[in-house]
Amino acid sequence: MSRTTSERIDSLFRIDKFCAIGFVIVLWATVLYVFVSILPFVDDMNVKIAIGAAGAAVLIFNTASIFAMLRHYADDKEDIYGIDIRHKDALATLKKSGRLDRQIAE
């Protein structure tokens, strides 16, 4: 069953979207875990506030940049993923014809 280019693009975008959102979830969990883990070792309230503010800034800016990237990918997914699909199809054609094996052997 052959899928259309549009279906293949949508599939690649879904995978990238899933991975990006997963990264954001792991990032939030990691930063929050580290923050909670170090709190007992920090006595000064000003240092706790500084660490919390820095962690919050990292989370906010990284989350915003990932979602901005996803919006950009959604807007330009035909251009972004179309090139990948064309190259993958060209490589498959070379492999099927046997020309790729001859080029590697040379």
Protein backbone atom coordinates (compact mmCIF):
# COMPACT_ATOMS: atom_id res chain seq x y z
CA MET A 1 0.00 0.00 0.00
CA SER A 2 1.55 3.25 -1.13
CA ARG A 3 0.95 6.34 0.92
CA THR A 4 0.70 9.78 -0.61
CA THR A 5 3.38 12.37 0.03
CA SER A 6 0.94 14.36 2.14
CA GLU A 7 0.27 11.35 4.37
CA ARG A 8 3.99 10.72 4.74
CA ILE A 9 4.59 14.37 5.64
CA ASP A 10 1.83 14.26 8.24
CA SER A 11 3.30 11.08 9.70
CA LEU A 12 6.77 12.60 10.00
CA PHE A 13 5.33 15.75 11.57
CA ARG A 14 3.36 13.68 14.11
CA ILE A 15 6.52 11.84 15.12
CA ASP A 16 8.46 15.08 15.54
CA LYS A 17 5.60 16.66 17.47
CA PHE A 18 5.38 13.65 19.80
CA CYS A 19 9.14 13.71 20.41
CA ALA A 20 9.20 17.48 21.05
CA ILE A 21 6.33 17.32 23.53
CA GLY A 22 7.98 14.33 25.20
CA PHE A 23 11.19 16.32 25.50
CA VAL A 24 9.31 19.19 27.16
CA ILE A 25 7.69 16.80 29.64
CA VAL A 26 11.05 15.21 30.50
CA LEU A 27 12.64 18.65 30.83
CA TRP A 28 9.96 19.85 33.26
CA ALA A 29 10.18 16.65 35.30
CA THR A 30 13.97 16.83 35.47
CA VAL A 31 14.16 20.49 36.48
CA LEU A 32 11.41 20.11 39.09
CA TYR A 33 13.02 16.96 40.49
CA VAL A 34 16.41 18.67 40.80
CA PHE A 35 14.85 21.74 42.39
CA VAL A 36 12.98 19.69 45.00
CA SER A 37 16.05 17.50 45.61
CA ILE A 38 18.39 20.40 46.36
CA LEU A 39 16.02 22.42 48.54
CA PRO A 40 17.01 20.64 51.79
CA PHE A 41 20.66 21.49 51.16
CA VAL A 42 20.11 25.24 50.66
CA ASP A 43 19.65 27.25 53.85
CA ASP A 44 19.42 30.78 52.46
CA MET A 45 15.95 31.78 51.22
CA ASN A 46 17.45 34.24 48.69
CA VAL A 47 19.44 31.42 47.11
CA LYS A 48 16.30 29.26 46.93
CA ILE A 49 14.47 32.10 45.20
CA ALA A 50 17.35 32.61 42.76
CA ILE A 51 17.51 28.90 41.94
CA GLY A 52 13.73 28.76 41.50
CA ALA A 53 13.72 31.84 39.26
CA ALA A 54 16.55 30.47 37.12
CA GLY A 55 14.82 27.10 36.79
CA ALA A 56 11.54 28.78 35.91
CA ALA A 57 13.27 30.89 33.25
CA VAL A 58 14.85 27.78 31.70
CA LEU A 59 11.49 26.00 31.65
CA ILE A 60 9.56 28.94 30.25
CA PHE A 61 12.03 29.81 27.49
CA ASN A 62 12.69 26.21 26.44
CA THR A 63 8.98 25.37 26.41
CA ALA A 64 8.19 28.49 24.39
CA SER A 65 10.96 27.75 21.89
CA ILE A 66 9.80 24.15 21.39
CA PHE A 67 6.21 25.23 20.77
CA ALA A 68 7.39 27.99 18.41
CA MET A 69 9.40 25.36 16.52
CA LEU A 70 6.31 23.14 16.27
CA ARG A 71 4.25 26.05 14.90
CA HIS A 72 6.97 26.75 12.33
CA TYR A 73 7.11 23.07 11.36
CA ALA A 74 3.32 22.97 11.02
CA ASP A 75 3.37 26.01 8.73
CA ASP A 76 6.24 24.78 6.53
CA LYS A 77 5.96 21.01 6.86
CA GLU A 78 5.68 20.45 3.09
CA ASP A 79 9.04 22.17 2.53
CA ILE A 80 10.75 20.73 5.60
CA TYR A 81 9.67 17.11 5.23
CA GLY A 82 9.26 17.10 1.44
CA ILE A 83 13.03 17.29 0.97
CA ASP A 84 13.57 14.38 3.35
CA ILE A 85 10.98 12.27 1.55
CA ARG A 86 12.47 13.02 -1.88
CA HIS A 87 15.96 12.06 -0.66
CA LYS A 88 14.67 8.90 1.00
CA ASP A 89 12.83 7.91 -2.20
CA ALA A 90 15.94 8.62 -4.31
CA LEU A 91 18.06 6.47 -1.97
CA ALA A 92 15.51 3.64 -2.16
CA THR A 93 15.57 3.87 -5.97
CA LEU A 94 19.38 3.68 -5.99
CA LYS A 95 19.35 0.69 -3.66
CA LYS A 96 16.70 -1.09 -5.73
CA SER A 97 18.62 -0.53 -8.98
CA GLY A 98 21.88 -1.75 -7.45
CA ARG A 99 23.71 1.43 -8.46
CA LEU A 100 24.25 2.39 -4.81
CA ASP A 101 26.18 -0.81 -4.15
CA ARG A 102 28.45 -0.14 -7.15
CA GLN A 103 29.06 3.46 -5.99
CA ILE A 104 30.01 2.32 -2.48
CA ALA A 105 32.35 -0.38 -3.80
CA GLU A 106 34.31 2.11 -5.95
